[in-house]
Amino acid sequence: MYRSKERKERNVMPRTIRYFFYALIFTLALFGLSIGQHAILAISLGLGIVVGIIADGFDNVRDEPFKKYNVKHKHHKPHKSVS
């Protein structure tokens, strides 16, 4: 119960939904390959990419509050190349 409440507060996508999106992408690619027509393969792979982008957007919602801390980690100087 505590974990689901915590999940709602942090807007975390549940693992089952995340794996549903992964399975959908895999199914679309497998369907396109099994049909054997290039047009259907291209459409199914395009749909898989769109589903992947949507799933990534949902998955990144939980990281939004913490992006402000990334500024503190960009203070490293680039490495000097050894000649």
N, C-alpha and C. Protein backbone atom coordinates (compact mmCIF):
# COMPACT_ATOMS: atom_id res chain seq x y z
N MET A 1 0.81 -1.18 0.00
CA MET A 1 0.00 0.00 0.00
C MET A 1 0.86 1.26 0.00
N TYR A 2 1.93 1.24 0.76
CA TYR A 2 2.81 2.40 0.83
C TYR A 2 3.45 2.67 -0.52
N ARG A 3 3.84 1.59 -1.21
CA ARG A 3 4.53 1.79 -2.48
C ARG A 3 3.60 2.39 -3.53
N SER A 4 2.35 1.97 -3.56
CA SER A 4 1.45 2.53 -4.56
C SER A 4 1.16 4.00 -4.27
N LYS A 5 1.05 4.36 -2.98
CA LYS A 5 0.83 5.76 -2.63
C LYS A 5 2.05 6.59 -3.03
N GLU A 6 3.23 6.04 -2.75
CA GLU A 6 4.46 6.73 -3.11
C GLU A 6 4.55 6.88 -4.63
N ARG A 7 4.12 5.86 -5.36
CA ARG A 7 4.16 5.88 -6.80
C ARG A 7 3.25 6.97 -7.37
N LYS A 8 2.07 7.13 -6.78
CA LYS A 8 1.15 8.16 -7.25
C LYS A 8 1.71 9.55 -7.00
N GLU A 9 2.40 9.71 -5.88
CA GLU A 9 2.95 11.03 -5.56
C GLU A 9 4.10 11.39 -6.49
N ARG A 10 4.87 10.42 -6.91
CA ARG A 10 6.02 10.69 -7.76
C ARG A 10 5.72 10.53 -9.25
N ASN A 11 4.47 10.19 -9.60
CA ASN A 11 4.07 9.99 -10.99
C ASN A 11 4.92 8.94 -11.70
N VAL A 12 5.14 7.81 -11.03
CA VAL A 12 5.95 6.74 -11.59
C VAL A 12 5.05 5.82 -12.41
N MET A 13 5.48 5.50 -13.60
CA MET A 13 4.73 4.56 -14.42
C MET A 13 4.90 3.17 -13.84
N PRO A 14 3.80 2.47 -13.58
CA PRO A 14 3.93 1.11 -13.03
C PRO A 14 4.69 0.20 -13.98
N ARG A 15 5.35 -0.76 -13.41
CA ARG A 15 6.18 -1.68 -14.18
C ARG A 15 5.36 -2.46 -15.19
N THR A 16 4.11 -2.82 -14.85
CA THR A 16 3.28 -3.59 -15.78
C THR A 16 2.97 -2.79 -17.04
N ILE A 17 2.73 -1.51 -16.90
CA ILE A 17 2.46 -0.68 -18.08
C ILE A 17 3.72 -0.53 -18.92
N ARG A 18 4.85 -0.36 -18.25
CA ARG A 18 6.12 -0.24 -18.98
C ARG A 18 6.39 -1.50 -19.79
N TYR A 19 6.20 -2.68 -19.19
CA TYR A 19 6.44 -3.93 -19.91
C TYR A 19 5.38 -4.17 -20.98
N PHE A 20 4.17 -3.64 -20.78
CA PHE A 20 3.15 -3.73 -21.83
C PHE A 20 3.61 -2.97 -23.07
N PHE A 21 4.17 -1.78 -22.88
CA PHE A 21 4.68 -1.01 -24.02
C PHE A 21 5.82 -1.74 -24.71
N TYR A 22 6.73 -2.35 -23.93
CA TYR A 22 7.84 -3.09 -24.53
C TYR A 22 7.31 -4.28 -25.32
N ALA A 23 6.33 -4.98 -24.76
CA ALA A 23 5.75 -6.13 -25.46
C ALA A 23 5.03 -5.69 -26.74
N LEU A 24 4.37 -4.55 -26.69
CA LEU A 24 3.68 -4.03 -27.87
C LEU A 24 4.68 -3.69 -28.98
N ILE A 25 5.79 -3.09 -28.62
CA ILE A 25 6.82 -2.77 -29.61
C ILE A 25 7.38 -4.04 -30.23
N PHE A 26 7.66 -5.04 -29.40
CA PHE A 26 8.19 -6.31 -29.89
C PHE A 26 7.17 -7.00 -30.80
N THR A 27 5.89 -6.97 -30.40
CA THR A 27 4.84 -7.59 -31.20
C THR A 27 4.69 -6.91 -32.56
N LEU A 28 4.75 -5.59 -32.57
CA LEU A 28 4.65 -4.87 -33.84
C LEU A 28 5.81 -5.23 -34.77
N ALA A 29 7.01 -5.30 -34.23
CA ALA A 29 8.18 -5.64 -35.05
C ALA A 29 8.08 -7.09 -35.54
N LEU A 30 7.67 -7.99 -34.66
CA LEU A 30 7.54 -9.40 -35.04
C LEU A 30 6.45 -9.59 -36.09
N PHE A 31 5.35 -8.86 -35.95
CA PHE A 31 4.27 -8.92 -36.93
C PHE A 31 4.76 -8.44 -38.29
N GLY A 32 5.48 -7.35 -38.30
CA GLY A 32 5.99 -6.82 -39.56
C GLY A 32 6.96 -7.77 -40.23
N LEU A 33 7.79 -8.44 -39.44
CA LEU A 33 8.74 -9.38 -40.01
C LEU A 33 8.04 -10.65 -40.51
N SER A 34 7.01 -11.09 -39.80
CA SER A 34 6.35 -12.34 -40.17
C SER A 34 5.50 -12.20 -41.43
N ILE A 35 4.97 -11.03 -41.71
CA ILE A 35 4.13 -10.83 -42.89
C ILE A 35 4.98 -10.93 -44.16
N GLY A 36 6.16 -10.37 -44.15
CA GLY A 36 7.05 -10.50 -45.29
C GLY A 36 6.89 -9.42 -46.34
N GLN A 37 6.06 -8.43 -46.09
CA GLN A 37 5.92 -7.33 -47.04
C GLN A 37 6.64 -6.11 -46.48
N HIS A 38 7.40 -5.46 -47.31
CA HIS A 38 8.22 -4.35 -46.87
C HIS A 38 7.40 -3.17 -46.38
N ALA A 39 6.27 -2.91 -47.00
CA ALA A 39 5.45 -1.77 -46.59
C ALA A 39 4.87 -2.00 -45.19
N ILE A 40 4.38 -3.19 -44.93
CA ILE A 40 3.82 -3.50 -43.61
C ILE A 40 4.93 -3.50 -42.56
N LEU A 41 6.10 -4.00 -42.93
CA LEU A 41 7.24 -3.98 -42.01
C LEU A 41 7.61 -2.54 -41.65
N ALA A 42 7.64 -1.67 -42.65
CA ALA A 42 7.99 -0.27 -42.39
C ALA A 42 6.94 0.40 -41.52
N ILE A 43 5.67 0.12 -41.80
CA ILE A 43 4.60 0.72 -40.98
C ILE A 43 4.65 0.21 -39.56
N SER A 44 4.85 -1.10 -39.38
CA SER A 44 4.88 -1.65 -38.02
C SER A 44 6.10 -1.17 -37.25
N LEU A 45 7.23 -1.03 -37.91
CA LEU A 45 8.40 -0.49 -37.22
C LEU A 45 8.22 0.98 -36.88
N GLY A 46 7.58 1.72 -37.79
CA GLY A 46 7.27 3.12 -37.49
C GLY A 46 6.33 3.25 -36.30
N LEU A 47 5.30 2.40 -36.25
CA LEU A 47 4.40 2.40 -35.10
C LEU A 47 5.14 2.01 -33.82
N GLY A 48 6.05 1.06 -33.94
CA GLY A 48 6.85 0.66 -32.77
C GLY A 48 7.70 1.81 -32.25
N ILE A 49 8.26 2.59 -33.15
CA ILE A 49 9.05 3.76 -32.74
C ILE A 49 8.17 4.79 -32.05
N VAL A 50 6.98 5.02 -32.60
CA VAL A 50 6.05 5.98 -31.99
C VAL A 50 5.64 5.51 -30.60
N VAL A 51 5.32 4.23 -30.46
CA VAL A 51 4.96 3.68 -29.14
C VAL A 51 6.14 3.81 -28.19
N GLY A 52 7.35 3.58 -28.67
CA GLY A 52 8.54 3.72 -27.83
C GLY A 52 8.74 5.14 -27.35
N ILE A 53 8.50 6.11 -28.21
CA ILE A 53 8.65 7.51 -27.83
C ILE A 53 7.60 7.89 -26.78
N ILE A 54 6.37 7.41 -26.98
CA ILE A 54 5.32 7.68 -26.01
C ILE A 54 5.65 7.04 -24.66
N ALA A 55 6.10 5.78 -24.69
CA ALA A 55 6.45 5.10 -23.44
C ALA A 55 7.61 5.80 -22.74
N ASP A 56 8.58 6.27 -23.51
CA ASP A 56 9.71 6.98 -22.93
C ASP A 56 9.25 8.29 -22.29
N GLY A 57 8.32 8.96 -22.92
CA GLY A 57 7.78 10.19 -22.34
C GLY A 57 7.09 9.94 -21.01
N PHE A 58 6.29 8.85 -20.96
CA PHE A 58 5.63 8.50 -19.70
C PHE A 58 6.64 8.11 -18.64
N ASP A 59 7.69 7.40 -19.06
CA ASP A 59 8.69 6.93 -18.11
C ASP A 59 9.54 8.07 -17.57
N ASN A 60 9.74 9.13 -18.35
CA ASN A 60 10.58 10.24 -17.93
C ASN A 60 9.86 11.25 -17.04
N VAL A 61 8.55 11.09 -16.89
CA VAL A 61 7.79 12.02 -16.04
C VAL A 61 8.32 11.99 -14.61
N ARG A 62 8.74 10.82 -14.15
CA ARG A 62 9.23 10.70 -12.77
C ARG A 62 10.55 11.45 -12.56
N ASP A 63 11.29 11.70 -13.63
CA ASP A 63 12.59 12.36 -13.50
C ASP A 63 12.51 13.88 -13.56
N GLU A 64 11.38 14.41 -13.97
CA GLU A 64 11.24 15.86 -14.13
C GLU A 64 11.61 16.67 -12.88
N PRO A 65 11.14 16.29 -11.67
CA PRO A 65 11.48 17.11 -10.50
C PRO A 65 12.98 17.13 -10.18
N PHE A 66 13.73 16.15 -10.70
CA PHE A 66 15.14 16.04 -10.35
C PHE A 66 16.07 16.62 -11.40
N LYS A 67 15.53 17.10 -12.51
CA LYS A 67 16.38 17.67 -13.57
C LYS A 67 17.11 18.93 -13.11
N LYS A 68 16.56 19.61 -12.13
CA LYS A 68 17.23 20.82 -11.66
C LYS A 68 18.56 20.51 -10.98
N TYR A 69 18.73 19.27 -10.52
CA TYR A 69 19.99 18.90 -9.87
C TYR A 69 21.08 18.55 -10.87
N ASN A 70 20.73 18.35 -12.14
CA ASN A 70 21.73 18.01 -13.15
C ASN A 70 22.70 19.14 -13.40
N VAL A 71 22.29 20.36 -13.16
CA VAL A 71 23.15 21.51 -13.38
C VAL A 71 24.38 21.43 -12.47
N LYS A 72 24.21 20.90 -11.29
CA LYS A 72 25.32 20.80 -10.34
C LYS A 72 26.37 19.79 -10.78
N HIS A 73 26.03 18.90 -11.71
CA HIS A 73 26.97 17.86 -12.10
C HIS A 73 27.69 18.16 -13.40
N LYS A 74 27.53 19.33 -13.94
CA LYS A 74 28.19 19.67 -15.20
C LYS A 74 29.41 20.56 -14.97
N HIS A 75 30.04 20.42 -13.83
CA HIS A 75 31.19 21.27 -13.53
C HIS A 75 32.51 20.61 -13.88
N HIS A 76 32.49 19.41 -14.45
CA HIS A 76 33.73 18.71 -14.77
C HIS A 76 34.38 19.30 -16.01
N LYS A 77 35.67 19.39 -15.97
CA LYS A 77 36.42 19.87 -17.12
C LYS A 77 36.69 18.70 -18.05
N PRO A 78 36.78 18.93 -19.34
CA PRO A 78 37.08 17.82 -20.26
C PRO A 78 38.50 17.29 -20.02
N HIS A 79 38.66 16.02 -20.30
CA HIS A 79 39.97 15.40 -20.11
C HIS A 79 40.94 15.88 -21.18
N LYS A 80 42.17 16.02 -20.78
CA LYS A 80 43.21 16.39 -21.74
C LYS A 80 43.64 15.15 -22.49
N SER A 81 43.80 15.27 -23.78
CA SER A 81 44.22 14.12 -24.56
C SER A 81 45.73 13.91 -24.39
N VAL A 82 46.08 12.66 -24.33
CA VAL A 82 47.49 12.30 -24.17
C VAL A 82 48.12 12.20 -25.55
N SER A 83 49.18 12.96 -25.78
CA SER A 83 49.84 12.93 -27.11
C SER A 83 51.12 12.18 -27.03
